Amino acid sequence: KTAYEIRNCDWSSDVCSSDLKVWLEELNKGYAYVFRRDRTMRPICYINMDKLKRVKTDHETLAHMSTYMTQYVISRALIPGKIENWITIIDFKGVGVTEVPT
């Protein structure tokens, strides 16, 4: 493995091994969550850009939250050994093109 791969693996395992309590405050902001399944049983991830814009979460926290949610879906909502996918809905209601958080 390269040094980059080792650092990435360490970072990812630190974020993903975190307890839910670590992310509870961020999850309670309501800008991103996993919501049920669609009719073909795919998990639905929802991101509300208007709420994300208003809470002004820093990039590092947002990257960690995204990694945590992805790993949460993989470990808790998908069946191991089965090829699956999920749906991500990004709601831009109330957010203009120039207002998208960068």
N, C-alpha and C. Protein backbone atom coordinates (compact mmCIF):
# COMPACT_ATOMS: atom_id res chain seq x y z
N LYS A 1 0.83 -1.19 0.00
CA LYS A 1 0.00 0.00 0.00
C LYS A 1 0.87 1.25 0.00
N THR A 2 0.35 2.29 -0.63
CA THR A 2 1.06 3.56 -0.62
C THR A 2 0.77 4.30 0.69
N ALA A 3 1.55 5.33 0.95
CA ALA A 3 1.35 6.13 2.17
C ALA A 3 -0.03 6.77 2.16
N TYR A 4 -0.49 7.21 0.97
CA TYR A 4 -1.82 7.80 0.85
C TYR A 4 -2.90 6.78 1.21
N GLU A 5 -2.79 5.58 0.71
CA GLU A 5 -3.78 4.54 0.99
C GLU A 5 -3.81 4.21 2.49
N ILE A 6 -2.66 4.18 3.12
CA ILE A 6 -2.59 3.90 4.56
C ILE A 6 -3.25 5.02 5.36
N ARG A 7 -2.93 6.29 5.01
CA ARG A 7 -3.56 7.43 5.70
C ARG A 7 -5.06 7.42 5.50
N ASN A 8 -5.51 7.16 4.27
CA ASN A 8 -6.94 7.14 3.98
C ASN A 8 -7.63 6.03 4.76
N CYS A 9 -7.01 4.87 4.82
CA CYS A 9 -7.58 3.74 5.55
C CYS A 9 -7.67 4.06 7.04
N ASP A 10 -6.63 4.68 7.60
CA ASP A 10 -6.64 5.07 9.01
C ASP A 10 -7.75 6.09 9.28
N TRP A 11 -7.85 7.11 8.40
CA TRP A 11 -8.87 8.15 8.56
C TRP A 11 -10.26 7.53 8.48
N SER A 12 -10.49 6.70 7.49
CA SER A 12 -11.79 6.08 7.29
C SER A 12 -12.17 5.20 8.46
N SER A 13 -11.22 4.42 8.97
CA SER A 13 -11.55 3.54 10.09
C SER A 13 -11.81 4.34 11.37
N ASP A 14 -11.12 5.48 11.55
CA ASP A 14 -11.39 6.33 12.71
C ASP A 14 -12.82 6.88 12.66
N VAL A 15 -13.22 7.37 11.49
CA VAL A 15 -14.55 7.95 11.34
C VAL A 15 -15.61 6.87 11.49
N CYS A 16 -15.42 5.74 10.83
CA CYS A 16 -16.44 4.70 10.78
C CYS A 16 -16.54 3.89 12.06
N SER A 17 -15.48 3.86 12.84
CA SER A 17 -15.54 3.11 14.09
C SER A 17 -16.16 3.94 15.20
N SER A 18 -16.43 5.21 14.91
CA SER A 18 -17.03 6.09 15.91
C SER A 18 -18.41 5.61 16.29
N ASP A 19 -18.74 5.83 17.53
CA ASP A 19 -20.07 5.49 18.03
C ASP A 19 -21.08 6.50 17.49
N LEU A 20 -22.31 6.09 17.39
CA LEU A 20 -23.38 6.97 16.92
C LEU A 20 -23.47 8.24 17.77
N LYS A 21 -23.15 8.15 19.04
CA LYS A 21 -23.23 9.31 19.94
C LYS A 21 -22.33 10.45 19.46
N VAL A 22 -21.21 10.11 18.81
CA VAL A 22 -20.30 11.12 18.30
C VAL A 22 -20.99 11.97 17.23
N TRP A 23 -21.86 11.35 16.45
CA TRP A 23 -22.51 12.02 15.32
C TRP A 23 -23.92 12.51 15.64
N LEU A 24 -24.40 12.27 16.84
CA LEU A 24 -25.78 12.61 17.19
C LEU A 24 -26.09 14.09 17.02
N GLU A 25 -25.21 14.96 17.46
CA GLU A 25 -25.44 16.40 17.32
C GLU A 25 -25.55 16.78 15.84
N GLU A 26 -24.65 16.23 15.04
CA GLU A 26 -24.66 16.54 13.60
C GLU A 26 -25.91 15.96 12.94
N LEU A 27 -26.29 14.74 13.31
CA LEU A 27 -27.49 14.11 12.75
C LEU A 27 -28.75 14.88 13.12
N ASN A 28 -28.79 15.44 14.32
CA ASN A 28 -29.96 16.19 14.77
C ASN A 28 -30.15 17.51 14.04
N LYS A 29 -29.15 17.96 13.30
CA LYS A 29 -29.31 19.16 12.49
C LYS A 29 -30.25 18.91 11.31
N GLY A 30 -30.45 17.66 10.94
CA GLY A 30 -31.46 17.28 9.97
C GLY A 30 -31.15 17.53 8.51
N TYR A 31 -29.92 17.86 8.16
CA TYR A 31 -29.63 18.10 6.75
C TYR A 31 -29.35 16.82 5.98
N ALA A 32 -29.10 15.72 6.67
CA ALA A 32 -28.86 14.44 5.98
C ALA A 32 -29.33 13.29 6.86
N TYR A 33 -30.00 12.35 6.24
CA TYR A 33 -30.45 11.17 6.97
C TYR A 33 -30.78 10.05 6.01
N VAL A 34 -30.89 8.85 6.56
CA VAL A 34 -31.30 7.68 5.79
C VAL A 34 -32.76 7.43 6.13
N PHE A 35 -33.58 7.28 5.09
CA PHE A 35 -35.03 7.21 5.30
C PHE A 35 -35.61 6.01 4.57
N ARG A 36 -36.00 5.01 5.31
CA ARG A 36 -36.71 3.83 4.79
C ARG A 36 -36.08 3.23 3.54
N ARG A 37 -36.94 2.64 2.70
CA ARG A 37 -36.52 2.02 1.44
C ARG A 37 -37.55 2.34 0.37
N ASP A 38 -37.11 2.30 -0.89
CA ASP A 38 -38.07 2.50 -1.97
C ASP A 38 -38.79 1.18 -2.27
N ARG A 39 -39.64 1.15 -3.28
CA ARG A 39 -40.44 -0.06 -3.53
C ARG A 39 -39.61 -1.25 -3.99
N THR A 40 -38.38 -1.00 -4.45
CA THR A 40 -37.50 -2.13 -4.80
C THR A 40 -36.52 -2.44 -3.68
N MET A 41 -36.81 -1.91 -2.48
CA MET A 41 -36.07 -2.19 -1.25
C MET A 41 -34.66 -1.58 -1.19
N ARG A 42 -34.43 -0.50 -1.91
CA ARG A 42 -33.15 0.20 -1.83
C ARG A 42 -33.22 1.25 -0.73
N PRO A 43 -32.21 1.35 0.13
CA PRO A 43 -32.21 2.41 1.15
C PRO A 43 -32.22 3.79 0.48
N ILE A 44 -32.89 4.75 1.12
CA ILE A 44 -32.97 6.11 0.58
C ILE A 44 -32.19 7.05 1.49
N CYS A 45 -31.18 7.72 0.93
CA CYS A 45 -30.42 8.73 1.65
C CYS A 45 -30.94 10.09 1.19
N TYR A 46 -31.18 10.99 2.13
CA TYR A 46 -31.76 12.30 1.82
C TYR A 46 -30.84 13.40 2.31
N ILE A 47 -30.57 14.38 1.45
CA ILE A 47 -29.74 15.53 1.81
C ILE A 47 -30.53 16.79 1.48
N ASN A 48 -30.74 17.65 2.49
CA ASN A 48 -31.47 18.90 2.32
C ASN A 48 -30.45 20.03 2.24
N MET A 49 -30.24 20.57 1.04
CA MET A 49 -29.21 21.59 0.85
C MET A 49 -29.56 22.90 1.55
N ASP A 50 -30.85 23.24 1.67
CA ASP A 50 -31.23 24.46 2.37
C ASP A 50 -30.81 24.39 3.84
N LYS A 51 -31.08 23.26 4.49
CA LYS A 51 -30.66 23.10 5.89
C LYS A 51 -29.14 23.07 6.01
N LEU A 52 -28.50 22.41 5.07
CA LEU A 52 -27.03 22.35 5.10
C LEU A 52 -26.44 23.74 4.96
N LYS A 53 -27.03 24.55 4.10
CA LYS A 53 -26.56 25.92 3.91
C LYS A 53 -26.74 26.73 5.20
N ARG A 54 -27.84 26.55 5.90
CA ARG A 54 -28.13 27.32 7.11
C ARG A 54 -27.28 26.90 8.31
N VAL A 55 -26.92 25.61 8.44
CA VAL A 55 -26.14 25.18 9.60
C VAL A 55 -24.66 25.50 9.48
N LYS A 56 -24.19 25.78 8.28
CA LYS A 56 -22.80 26.17 8.04
C LYS A 56 -21.80 25.19 8.66
N THR A 57 -21.96 23.91 8.35
CA THR A 57 -21.04 22.88 8.82
C THR A 57 -19.73 22.99 8.05
N ASP A 58 -18.61 22.86 8.75
CA ASP A 58 -17.32 22.96 8.06
C ASP A 58 -17.07 21.75 7.18
N HIS A 59 -16.17 21.89 6.22
CA HIS A 59 -15.92 20.85 5.22
C HIS A 59 -15.44 19.53 5.83
N GLU A 60 -14.58 19.62 6.83
CA GLU A 60 -14.05 18.40 7.43
C GLU A 60 -15.15 17.60 8.13
N THR A 61 -16.00 18.29 8.88
CA THR A 61 -17.11 17.62 9.55
C THR A 61 -18.05 17.02 8.53
N LEU A 62 -18.31 17.75 7.46
CA LEU A 62 -19.20 17.25 6.40
C LEU A 62 -18.62 16.01 5.72
N ALA A 63 -17.32 16.00 5.48
CA ALA A 63 -16.67 14.83 4.89
C ALA A 63 -16.75 13.64 5.84
N HIS A 64 -16.52 13.86 7.12
CA HIS A 64 -16.62 12.78 8.11
C HIS A 64 -18.05 12.27 8.21
N MET A 65 -19.01 13.18 8.20
CA MET A 65 -20.42 12.80 8.29
C MET A 65 -20.83 11.98 7.07
N SER A 66 -20.38 12.39 5.91
CA SER A 66 -20.67 11.66 4.67
C SER A 66 -20.09 10.26 4.71
N THR A 67 -18.86 10.14 5.17
CA THR A 67 -18.21 8.83 5.29
C THR A 67 -18.95 7.96 6.30
N TYR A 68 -19.31 8.55 7.43
CA TYR A 68 -20.03 7.79 8.46
C TYR A 68 -21.37 7.28 7.92
N MET A 69 -22.12 8.15 7.26
CA MET A 69 -23.43 7.74 6.73
C MET A 69 -23.29 6.66 5.65
N THR A 70 -22.29 6.79 4.80
CA THR A 70 -22.07 5.78 3.76
C THR A 70 -21.75 4.43 4.40
N GLN A 71 -20.86 4.44 5.37
CA GLN A 71 -20.50 3.19 6.03
C GLN A 71 -21.68 2.63 6.84
N TYR A 72 -22.50 3.51 7.38
CA TYR A 72 -23.70 3.08 8.11
C TYR A 72 -24.65 2.34 7.17
N VAL A 73 -24.88 2.91 5.99
CA VAL A 73 -25.76 2.25 5.01
C VAL A 73 -25.17 0.91 4.59
N ILE A 74 -23.88 0.88 4.31
CA ILE A 74 -23.24 -0.37 3.87
C ILE A 74 -23.32 -1.43 4.96
N SER A 75 -23.06 -1.05 6.20
CA SER A 75 -23.00 -2.06 7.27
C SER A 75 -24.37 -2.44 7.84
N ARG A 76 -25.35 -1.53 7.77
CA ARG A 76 -26.62 -1.81 8.43
C ARG A 76 -27.81 -1.98 7.49
N ALA A 77 -27.70 -1.49 6.25
CA ALA A 77 -28.88 -1.52 5.38
C ALA A 77 -28.70 -2.43 4.16
N LEU A 78 -27.48 -2.84 3.89
CA LEU A 78 -27.24 -3.71 2.74
C LEU A 78 -26.95 -5.13 3.21
N ILE A 79 -27.25 -6.09 2.36
CA ILE A 79 -27.04 -7.49 2.70
C ILE A 79 -25.63 -7.90 2.23
N PRO A 80 -24.79 -8.38 3.15
CA PRO A 80 -23.43 -8.78 2.77
C PRO A 80 -23.44 -9.86 1.69
N GLY A 81 -22.55 -9.72 0.73
CA GLY A 81 -22.42 -10.72 -0.33
C GLY A 81 -23.41 -10.57 -1.46
N LYS A 82 -24.30 -9.58 -1.37
CA LYS A 82 -25.28 -9.36 -2.42
C LYS A 82 -25.01 -8.01 -3.07
N ILE A 83 -25.08 -7.96 -4.39
CA ILE A 83 -24.86 -6.70 -5.09
C ILE A 83 -26.10 -5.85 -4.91
N GLU A 84 -25.92 -4.67 -4.33
CA GLU A 84 -27.04 -3.77 -4.06
C GLU A 84 -26.64 -2.34 -4.38
N ASN A 85 -27.60 -1.46 -4.33
CA ASN A 85 -27.35 -0.03 -4.46
C ASN A 85 -28.34 0.73 -3.61
N TRP A 86 -28.19 2.05 -3.53
CA TRP A 86 -29.13 2.85 -2.77
C TRP A 86 -29.43 4.12 -3.54
N ILE A 87 -30.46 4.82 -3.10
CA ILE A 87 -30.91 6.05 -3.73
C ILE A 87 -30.46 7.23 -2.87
N THR A 88 -29.96 8.28 -3.51
CA THR A 88 -29.65 9.52 -2.79
C THR A 88 -30.49 10.63 -3.40
N ILE A 89 -31.28 11.28 -2.56
CA ILE A 89 -32.09 12.41 -2.99
C ILE A 89 -31.45 13.66 -2.43
N ILE A 90 -31.10 14.60 -3.30
CA ILE A 90 -30.54 15.87 -2.87
C ILE A 90 -31.59 16.94 -3.18
N ASP A 91 -32.15 17.52 -2.12
CA ASP A 91 -33.22 18.49 -2.23
C ASP A 91 -32.65 19.90 -2.31
N PHE A 92 -32.81 20.53 -3.47
CA PHE A 92 -32.32 21.90 -3.67
C PHE A 92 -33.43 22.94 -3.52
N LYS A 93 -34.57 22.57 -3.01
CA LYS A 93 -35.68 23.52 -2.85
C LYS A 93 -35.23 24.68 -1.97
N GLY A 94 -35.44 25.90 -2.46
CA GLY A 94 -35.07 27.09 -1.71
C GLY A 94 -33.61 27.46 -1.81
N VAL A 95 -32.85 26.78 -2.66
CA VAL A 95 -31.42 27.07 -2.82
C VAL A 95 -31.14 27.41 -4.28
N GLY A 96 -30.65 28.62 -4.51
CA GLY A 96 -30.29 29.02 -5.86
C GLY A 96 -28.96 28.41 -6.28
N VAL A 97 -28.69 28.46 -7.57
CA VAL A 97 -27.47 27.86 -8.10
C VAL A 97 -26.23 28.48 -7.46
N THR A 98 -26.26 29.77 -7.22
CA THR A 98 -25.09 30.44 -6.64
C THR A 98 -25.00 30.27 -5.12
N GLU A 99 -26.03 29.67 -4.51
CA GLU A 99 -26.03 29.50 -3.06
C GLU A 99 -25.60 28.11 -2.60
N VAL A 100 -25.30 27.24 -3.53
CA VAL A 100 -24.91 25.87 -3.17
C VAL A 100 -23.63 25.92 -2.35
N PRO A 101 -23.65 25.31 -1.15
CA PRO A 101 -22.44 25.31 -0.32
C PRO A 101 -21.25 24.69 -1.04
N THR A 102 -20.10 25.33 -0.93
CA THR A 102 -18.88 24.80 -1.58
C THR A 102 -17.85 24.43 -0.56
